[in-house]
């Protein structure tokens, strides 16, 4: 049988344990809510940036096929031109979920990568488009001259 002092100590420990369990539950609930919001925002950002992915993607050394180009998000994590997340570690490709990406990096960091890549490309494509159109006009002129001259 416990003395009054021992019973009081056991009661205090039990009280502290219940408080900590409640705090932990509150934390876990809040974390799940935050994670769900981040996942939803990331999915919306991927959809918003998807049209620009081919323009901001770079060639990934040693890769071929649909994952040969992408945007490096952090360390070995990429988003491909189609909006798929993947990692490249030791020559092996692993498909990633939004949750995987957000465990490695943060939403603001991913946004910063996208904004930096888009700003770096802004205006450059207009100059390239003008040059390509000029070259296409020259080639069209040559093709027309060859057709008129009877060469096919």
N, C-alpha and C. Protein backbone atom coordinates (compact mmCIF):
# COMPACT_ATOMS: atom_id res chain seq x y z
N UNK A 1 0.84 -1.17 0.00
CA UNK A 1 0.00 0.00 0.00
C UNK A 1 0.89 1.25 0.00
N UNK A 2 0.49 2.23 -0.84
CA UNK A 2 1.28 3.45 -0.97
C UNK A 2 0.95 4.43 0.15
N UNK A 3 1.99 5.12 0.54
CA UNK A 3 1.76 6.20 1.51
C UNK A 3 1.09 7.35 0.78
N UNK A 4 0.61 8.32 1.53
CA UNK A 4 -0.04 9.48 0.93
C UNK A 4 0.91 10.22 0.00
N UNK A 5 2.17 10.36 0.43
CA UNK A 5 3.17 11.04 -0.40
C UNK A 5 3.45 10.27 -1.68
N UNK A 6 3.55 8.96 -1.61
CA UNK A 6 3.79 8.13 -2.79
C UNK A 6 2.59 8.20 -3.74
N UNK A 7 1.40 8.13 -3.17
CA UNK A 7 0.18 8.21 -3.98
C UNK A 7 0.10 9.55 -4.69
N UNK A 8 0.50 10.62 -4.00
CA UNK A 8 0.50 11.95 -4.60
C UNK A 8 1.49 12.03 -5.76
N UNK A 9 2.67 11.43 -5.58
CA UNK A 9 3.68 11.41 -6.65
C UNK A 9 3.14 10.64 -7.85
N UNK A 10 2.54 9.49 -7.63
CA UNK A 10 1.96 8.69 -8.72
C UNK A 10 0.86 9.48 -9.42
N UNK A 11 0.05 10.17 -8.65
CA UNK A 11 -1.04 10.98 -9.21
C UNK A 11 -0.47 12.12 -10.07
N UNK A 12 0.59 12.77 -9.59
CA UNK A 12 1.22 13.86 -10.34
C UNK A 12 1.85 13.35 -11.64
N UNK A 13 2.51 12.20 -11.58
CA UNK A 13 3.09 11.61 -12.78
C UNK A 13 1.99 11.27 -13.79
N UNK A 14 0.92 10.70 -13.32
CA UNK A 14 -0.21 10.38 -14.20
C UNK A 14 -0.80 11.62 -14.84
N UNK A 15 -0.94 12.68 -14.06
CA UNK A 15 -1.45 13.95 -14.58
C UNK A 15 -0.54 14.49 -15.67
N UNK A 16 0.76 14.51 -15.41
CA UNK A 16 1.73 14.99 -16.41
C UNK A 16 1.71 14.13 -17.67
N UNK A 17 1.59 12.82 -17.49
CA UNK A 17 1.54 11.91 -18.64
C UNK A 17 0.30 12.19 -19.49
N UNK A 18 -0.85 12.40 -18.86
CA UNK A 18 -2.07 12.70 -19.61
C UNK A 18 -1.95 14.04 -20.35
N UNK A 19 -1.37 15.03 -19.70
CA UNK A 19 -1.17 16.33 -20.35
C UNK A 19 -0.27 16.21 -21.57
N UNK A 20 0.81 15.46 -21.40
CA UNK A 20 1.74 15.27 -22.52
C UNK A 20 1.06 14.51 -23.66
N UNK A 21 0.27 13.49 -23.33
CA UNK A 21 -0.45 12.73 -24.36
C UNK A 21 -1.43 13.64 -25.10
N UNK A 22 -2.11 14.53 -24.38
CA UNK A 22 -3.04 15.46 -25.02
C UNK A 22 -2.29 16.44 -25.93
N UNK A 23 -1.15 16.96 -25.44
CA UNK A 23 -0.34 17.86 -26.25
C UNK A 23 0.16 17.16 -27.52
N UNK A 24 0.59 15.93 -27.36
CA UNK A 24 1.08 15.16 -28.51
C UNK A 24 -0.05 14.95 -29.52
N UNK A 25 -1.22 14.61 -29.05
CA UNK A 25 -2.37 14.44 -29.94
C UNK A 25 -2.71 15.72 -30.67
N UNK A 26 -2.69 16.84 -29.95
CA UNK A 26 -2.96 18.14 -30.58
C UNK A 26 -1.90 18.45 -31.64
N UNK A 27 -0.64 18.16 -31.31
CA UNK A 27 0.45 18.40 -32.26
C UNK A 27 0.27 17.55 -33.52
N UNK A 28 -0.02 16.28 -33.34
CA UNK A 28 -0.18 15.38 -34.48
C UNK A 28 -1.33 15.84 -35.36
N UNK A 29 -2.45 16.24 -34.75
CA UNK A 29 -3.59 16.74 -35.52
C UNK A 29 -3.23 18.01 -36.30
N UNK A 30 -2.53 18.93 -35.63
CA UNK A 30 -2.13 20.17 -36.29
C UNK A 30 -1.16 19.88 -37.43
N UNK A 31 -0.23 18.97 -37.21
CA UNK A 31 0.76 18.61 -38.24
C UNK A 31 0.07 17.99 -39.45
N UNK A 32 -0.89 17.12 -39.21
CA UNK A 32 -1.64 16.51 -40.33
C UNK A 32 -2.38 17.57 -41.13
N UNK A 33 -2.98 18.52 -40.43
CA UNK A 33 -3.68 19.60 -41.13
C UNK A 33 -2.73 20.45 -41.96
N UNK A 34 -1.58 20.77 -41.39
CA UNK A 34 -0.58 21.55 -42.12
C UNK A 34 -0.07 20.78 -43.33
N UNK A 35 0.23 19.50 -43.15
CA UNK A 35 0.71 18.66 -44.25
C UNK A 35 -0.31 18.58 -45.37
N UNK A 36 -1.58 18.42 -45.01
CA UNK A 36 -2.64 18.33 -46.02
C UNK A 36 -2.73 19.64 -46.81
N UNK A 37 -2.62 20.76 -46.11
CA UNK A 37 -2.67 22.06 -46.78
C UNK A 37 -1.47 22.24 -47.71
N UNK A 38 -0.27 21.86 -47.24
CA UNK A 38 0.92 21.97 -48.09
C UNK A 38 0.81 21.07 -49.32
N UNK A 39 0.30 19.85 -49.15
CA UNK A 39 0.13 18.94 -50.28
C UNK A 39 -0.83 19.52 -51.31
N UNK A 40 -1.91 20.10 -50.84
CA UNK A 40 -2.90 20.69 -51.74
C UNK A 40 -2.30 21.88 -52.49
N UNK A 41 -1.56 22.71 -51.77
CA UNK A 41 -0.92 23.87 -52.41
C UNK A 41 0.13 23.41 -53.42
N UNK A 42 0.93 22.42 -53.05
CA UNK A 42 1.97 21.92 -53.98
C UNK A 42 1.32 21.36 -55.24
N UNK A 43 0.24 20.61 -55.11
CA UNK A 43 -0.45 20.06 -56.28
C UNK A 43 -0.95 21.21 -57.18
N UNK A 44 -1.47 22.26 -56.57
CA UNK A 44 -1.95 23.40 -57.35
C UNK A 44 -0.78 24.12 -58.03
N UNK A 45 0.35 24.23 -57.34
CA UNK A 45 1.53 24.88 -57.92
C UNK A 45 2.05 24.07 -59.11
N UNK A 46 2.09 22.76 -58.96
CA UNK A 46 2.56 21.91 -60.07
C UNK A 46 1.65 22.10 -61.28
N UNK A 47 0.35 22.15 -61.06
CA UNK A 47 -0.57 22.36 -62.19
C UNK A 47 -0.35 23.74 -62.81
N UNK A 48 -0.10 24.74 -61.98
CA UNK A 48 0.12 26.09 -62.50
C UNK A 48 1.42 26.21 -63.29
N UNK A 49 2.46 25.51 -62.85
CA UNK A 49 3.77 25.63 -63.49
C UNK A 49 3.94 24.62 -64.63
N UNK A 50 3.07 23.64 -64.72
CA UNK A 50 3.20 22.57 -65.73
C UNK A 50 3.45 23.10 -67.14
N UNK A 51 2.72 24.13 -67.62
CA UNK A 51 2.97 24.59 -68.99
C UNK A 51 4.40 25.13 -69.20
N UNK A 52 5.03 25.59 -68.14
CA UNK A 52 6.38 26.16 -68.27
C UNK A 52 7.47 25.12 -68.06
N UNK A 53 7.14 23.94 -67.59
CA UNK A 53 8.17 22.94 -67.27
C UNK A 53 9.10 22.62 -68.44
N UNK A 54 8.59 22.44 -69.66
CA UNK A 54 9.54 22.19 -70.76
C UNK A 54 10.52 23.35 -70.99
N UNK A 55 10.06 24.56 -70.72
CA UNK A 55 10.92 25.74 -70.93
C UNK A 55 11.96 25.91 -69.85
N UNK A 56 11.67 25.47 -68.63
CA UNK A 56 12.61 25.68 -67.53
C UNK A 56 13.41 24.43 -67.18
N UNK A 57 13.11 23.33 -67.85
CA UNK A 57 13.83 22.08 -67.58
C UNK A 57 15.21 22.09 -68.21
N UNK A 58 16.09 21.36 -67.59
CA UNK A 58 17.45 21.19 -68.11
C UNK A 58 17.70 19.71 -68.35
N UNK A 59 18.65 19.43 -69.21
CA UNK A 59 19.04 18.04 -69.46
C UNK A 59 19.70 17.48 -68.21
N UNK A 60 19.34 16.26 -67.85
CA UNK A 60 19.91 15.59 -66.68
C UNK A 60 20.94 14.60 -67.18
N UNK A 61 22.16 14.77 -66.76
CA UNK A 61 23.27 13.93 -67.22
C UNK A 61 22.98 12.46 -66.95
N UNK A 62 23.20 11.64 -67.96
CA UNK A 62 23.06 10.20 -67.82
C UNK A 62 21.64 9.69 -67.92
N UNK A 63 20.69 10.56 -68.20
CA UNK A 63 19.29 10.13 -68.27
C UNK A 63 18.84 10.11 -69.73
N UNK A 64 17.85 9.26 -69.99
CA UNK A 64 17.25 9.21 -71.31
C UNK A 64 15.76 8.96 -71.13
N UNK A 65 15.04 9.03 -72.23
CA UNK A 65 13.61 8.80 -72.16
C UNK A 65 12.87 10.00 -71.59
N UNK A 66 11.67 9.75 -71.05
CA UNK A 66 10.83 10.86 -70.60
C UNK A 66 11.41 11.62 -69.40
N UNK A 67 12.35 11.04 -68.70
CA UNK A 67 12.92 11.71 -67.54
C UNK A 67 14.30 12.28 -67.81
N UNK A 68 14.60 12.53 -69.09
CA UNK A 68 15.94 13.04 -69.41
C UNK A 68 16.07 14.53 -69.13
N UNK A 69 14.94 15.21 -68.93
CA UNK A 69 14.96 16.64 -68.63
C UNK A 69 14.10 16.90 -67.39
N UNK A 70 14.53 17.86 -66.60
CA UNK A 70 13.76 18.19 -65.42
C UNK A 70 14.32 19.43 -64.73
N UNK A 71 13.65 19.79 -63.65
CA UNK A 71 14.07 20.92 -62.83
C UNK A 71 14.53 20.34 -61.50
N UNK A 72 15.77 20.65 -61.12
CA UNK A 72 16.30 20.17 -59.85
C UNK A 72 15.69 20.98 -58.72
N UNK A 73 14.98 20.30 -57.82
CA UNK A 73 14.32 20.97 -56.70
C UNK A 73 15.22 21.05 -55.47
N UNK A 74 15.96 19.99 -55.23
CA UNK A 74 16.90 19.95 -54.10
C UNK A 74 17.68 18.65 -54.21
N UNK A 75 18.88 18.66 -53.78
CA UNK A 75 19.77 17.49 -53.78
C UNK A 75 19.51 16.60 -54.99
N UNK A 76 18.86 15.48 -54.82
CA UNK A 76 18.64 14.53 -55.92
C UNK A 76 17.18 14.50 -56.37
N UNK A 77 16.38 15.47 -55.95
CA UNK A 77 14.94 15.49 -56.29
C UNK A 77 14.70 16.41 -57.49
N UNK A 78 13.88 15.92 -58.41
CA UNK A 78 13.56 16.64 -59.64
C UNK A 78 12.06 16.62 -59.89
N UNK A 79 11.62 17.55 -60.73
CA UNK A 79 10.29 17.46 -61.32
C UNK A 79 10.52 17.42 -62.82
N UNK A 80 9.94 16.41 -63.47
CA UNK A 80 10.13 16.25 -64.91
C UNK A 80 9.24 17.17 -65.70
N UNK A 81 9.43 17.17 -67.01
CA UNK A 81 8.67 18.06 -67.89
C UNK A 81 7.16 17.79 -67.85
N UNK A 82 6.77 16.59 -67.45
CA UNK A 82 5.34 16.25 -67.37
C UNK A 82 4.76 16.53 -65.98
N UNK A 83 5.59 17.00 -65.05
CA UNK A 83 5.10 17.30 -63.70
C UNK A 83 5.24 16.15 -62.72
N UNK A 84 6.02 15.13 -63.09
CA UNK A 84 6.23 13.99 -62.21
C UNK A 84 7.48 14.22 -61.36
N UNK A 85 7.36 13.92 -60.07
CA UNK A 85 8.51 14.04 -59.18
C UNK A 85 9.30 12.74 -59.21
N UNK A 86 10.63 12.87 -59.16
CA UNK A 86 11.48 11.69 -59.09
C UNK A 86 12.80 12.06 -58.45
N UNK A 87 13.50 11.03 -57.98
CA UNK A 87 14.85 11.24 -57.46
C UNK A 87 15.80 10.42 -58.29
N UNK A 88 17.01 10.88 -58.35
CA UNK A 88 18.06 10.20 -59.08
C UNK A 88 19.23 10.03 -58.12
N UNK A 89 19.40 8.79 -57.67
CA UNK A 89 20.47 8.50 -56.71
C UNK A 89 21.24 7.28 -57.20
N UNK A 90 22.53 7.46 -57.39
CA UNK A 90 23.37 6.35 -57.83
C UNK A 90 22.93 5.75 -59.15
N UNK A 91 22.42 6.58 -60.04
CA UNK A 91 21.97 6.10 -61.34
C UNK A 91 20.60 5.44 -61.32
N UNK A 92 19.96 5.37 -60.16
CA UNK A 92 18.63 4.76 -60.06
C UNK A 92 17.57 5.84 -59.91
N UNK A 93 16.50 5.66 -60.64
CA UNK A 93 15.38 6.60 -60.60
C UNK A 93 14.31 6.04 -59.67
N UNK A 94 13.80 6.92 -58.82
CA UNK A 94 12.71 6.52 -57.93
C UNK A 94 11.61 7.56 -58.05
N UNK A 95 10.39 7.10 -58.33
CA UNK A 95 9.24 8.01 -58.40
C UNK A 95 8.94 8.52 -56.99
N UNK A 96 8.57 9.79 -56.92
CA UNK A 96 8.30 10.41 -55.64
C UNK A 96 6.87 10.95 -55.60
N UNK A 97 6.34 11.06 -54.40
CA UNK A 97 5.06 11.71 -54.18
C UNK A 97 5.32 13.13 -53.71
N UNK A 98 4.28 13.91 -53.67
CA UNK A 98 4.40 15.27 -53.12
C UNK A 98 4.88 15.19 -51.67
N UNK A 99 4.38 14.20 -50.95
CA UNK A 99 4.77 14.04 -49.55
C UNK A 99 6.27 13.79 -49.44
N UNK A 100 6.81 12.95 -50.34
CA UNK A 100 8.26 12.68 -50.34
C UNK A 100 9.05 13.97 -50.53
N UNK A 101 8.61 14.77 -51.48
CA UNK A 101 9.32 16.02 -51.79
C UNK A 101 9.26 16.97 -50.59
N UNK A 102 8.09 17.08 -49.97
CA UNK A 102 7.94 18.02 -48.86
C UNK A 102 8.63 17.53 -47.58
N UNK A 103 8.97 16.26 -47.52
CA UNK A 103 9.77 15.77 -46.40
C UNK A 103 11.23 16.19 -46.56
N UNK A 104 11.66 16.36 -47.82
CA UNK A 104 13.06 16.71 -48.11
C UNK A 104 13.28 18.21 -48.17
N UNK A 105 12.28 18.95 -48.64
CA UNK A 105 12.41 20.39 -48.82
C UNK A 105 11.09 21.05 -48.42
N UNK A 106 11.05 22.35 -48.52
CA UNK A 106 9.85 23.08 -48.11
C UNK A 106 9.13 23.66 -49.31
N UNK A 107 7.89 23.99 -49.11
CA UNK A 107 7.09 24.62 -50.16
C UNK A 107 7.71 25.95 -50.61
N UNK A 108 8.13 26.82 -49.70
CA UNK A 108 8.79 28.06 -50.16
C UNK A 108 10.06 27.80 -50.96
N UNK A 109 10.82 26.78 -50.61
CA UNK A 109 12.03 26.47 -51.36
C UNK A 109 11.70 26.03 -52.78
N UNK A 110 10.67 25.21 -52.94
CA UNK A 110 10.26 24.77 -54.27
C UNK A 110 9.76 25.96 -55.09
N UNK A 111 8.97 26.81 -54.47
CA UNK A 111 8.50 28.01 -55.16
C UNK A 111 9.67 28.88 -55.61
N UNK A 112 10.66 29.02 -54.76
CA UNK A 112 11.84 29.82 -55.11
C UNK A 112 12.55 29.24 -56.33
N UNK A 113 12.66 27.91 -56.40
CA UNK A 113 13.28 27.27 -57.56
C UNK A 113 12.48 27.57 -58.83
N UNK A 114 11.16 27.41 -58.75
CA UNK A 114 10.32 27.67 -59.92
C UNK A 114 10.42 29.13 -60.37
N UNK A 115 10.31 30.06 -59.42
CA UNK A 115 10.38 31.47 -59.79
C UNK A 115 11.74 31.82 -60.39
N UNK A 116 12.81 31.34 -59.80
CA UNK A 116 14.14 31.63 -60.32
C UNK A 116 14.30 31.07 -61.73
N UNK A 117 13.84 29.85 -61.96
CA UNK A 117 13.97 29.24 -63.29
C UNK A 117 13.13 29.98 -64.32
N UNK A 118 11.92 30.37 -63.95
CA UNK A 118 11.06 31.08 -64.90
C UNK A 118 11.61 32.47 -65.20
N UNK A 119 12.08 33.15 -64.18
CA UNK A 119 12.66 34.49 -64.41
C UNK A 119 13.92 34.41 -65.26
N UNK A 120 14.70 33.36 -65.08
CA UNK A 120 15.91 33.19 -65.88
C UNK A 120 15.58 32.99 -67.36
N UNK A 121 14.45 32.36 -67.65
CA UNK A 121 14.07 32.10 -69.04
C UNK A 121 13.25 33.23 -69.65
N UNK A 122 12.65 34.07 -68.82
CA UNK A 122 11.78 35.14 -69.33
C UNK A 122 12.54 36.02 -70.31
N UNK A 123 11.96 36.22 -71.47
CA UNK A 123 12.57 37.07 -72.49
C UNK A 123 13.55 36.35 -73.40
N UNK A 124 14.16 35.30 -72.93
CA UNK A 124 15.14 34.58 -73.75
C UNK A 124 14.45 33.86 -74.90
N UNK A 125 13.27 33.34 -74.66
CA UNK A 125 12.58 32.61 -75.71
C UNK A 125 12.10 33.54 -76.82
N UNK A 126 11.76 34.77 -76.48
CA UNK A 126 11.34 35.73 -77.51
C UNK A 126 12.46 35.97 -78.50
N UNK A 127 13.68 36.14 -78.00
CA UNK A 127 14.84 36.34 -78.87
C UNK A 127 15.08 35.11 -79.74
N UNK A 128 14.97 33.93 -79.15
CA UNK A 128 15.17 32.69 -79.91
C UNK A 128 14.07 32.52 -80.95
N UNK A 129 12.84 32.89 -80.60
CA UNK A 129 11.71 32.77 -81.53
C UNK A 129 11.94 33.64 -82.75
N UNK A 130 12.40 34.86 -82.55
CA UNK A 130 12.69 35.77 -83.67
C UNK A 130 13.75 35.16 -84.58
N UNK A 131 14.80 34.61 -83.99
CA UNK A 131 15.89 34.00 -84.77
C UNK A 131 15.38 32.78 -85.54
N UNK A 132 14.59 31.95 -84.90
CA UNK A 132 14.07 30.76 -85.58
C UNK A 132 13.13 31.15 -86.71
N UNK A 133 12.30 32.16 -86.49
CA UNK A 133 11.40 32.62 -87.57
C UNK A 133 12.22 33.16 -88.75
N UNK A 134 13.27 33.90 -88.46
CA UNK A 134 14.14 34.42 -89.53
C UNK A 134 14.74 33.27 -90.33
N UNK A 135 15.26 32.26 -89.61
CA UNK A 135 15.83 31.10 -90.29
C UNK A 135 14.78 30.34 -91.09
N UNK A 136 13.58 30.22 -90.53
CA UNK A 136 12.49 29.52 -91.25
C UNK A 136 12.13 30.26 -92.53
N UNK A 137 12.09 31.59 -92.48
CA UNK A 137 11.78 32.38 -93.68
C UNK A 137 12.85 32.17 -94.76
N UNK A 138 14.11 32.13 -94.35
CA UNK A 138 15.19 31.88 -95.31
C UNK A 138 15.02 30.50 -95.93
N UNK A 139 14.77 29.49 -95.09
CA UNK A 139 14.59 28.13 -95.61
C UNK A 139 13.37 28.02 -96.51
N UNK A 140 12.28 28.70 -96.15
CA UNK A 140 11.09 28.71 -97.02
C UNK A 140 11.41 29.33 -98.37
N UNK A 141 12.19 30.39 -98.35
CA UNK A 141 12.59 31.04 -99.61
C UNK A 141 13.42 30.11 -100.48
N UNK A 142 14.34 29.39 -99.87
CA UNK A 142 15.17 28.43 -100.61
C UNK A 142 14.30 27.32 -101.18
N UNK A 143 13.37 26.80 -100.33
CA UNK A 143 12.49 25.72 -100.79
C UNK A 143 11.62 26.19 -101.95
N UNK A 144 11.11 27.41 -101.87
CA UNK A 144 10.28 27.96 -102.95
C UNK A 144 11.11 28.10 -104.23
N UNK A 145 12.32 28.61 -104.09
CA UNK A 145 13.20 28.78 -105.26
C UNK A 145 13.50 27.43 -105.90
N UNK A 146 13.69 26.42 -105.10
CA UNK A 146 13.97 25.08 -105.64
C UNK A 146 12.74 24.52 -106.36
N UNK A 147 11.54 24.74 -105.79
CA UNK A 147 10.32 24.26 -106.44
C UNK A 147 10.09 24.97 -107.76
N UNK A 148 10.30 26.27 -107.78
CA UNK A 148 10.10 27.08 -109.00
C UNK A 148 11.11 26.65 -110.03
N UNK A 149 12.31 26.36 -109.60
CA UNK A 149 13.38 25.95 -110.53
C UNK A 149 13.25 24.53 -110.99
N UNK A 150 12.26 23.81 -110.50
CA UNK A 150 12.02 22.45 -110.93
C UNK A 150 12.76 21.40 -110.14
N UNK A 151 13.42 21.76 -109.07
CA UNK A 151 14.12 20.78 -108.24
C UNK A 151 13.18 20.29 -107.14
N UNK A 152 13.14 18.97 -106.95
CA UNK A 152 12.26 18.43 -105.89
C UNK A 152 13.01 17.49 -105.03
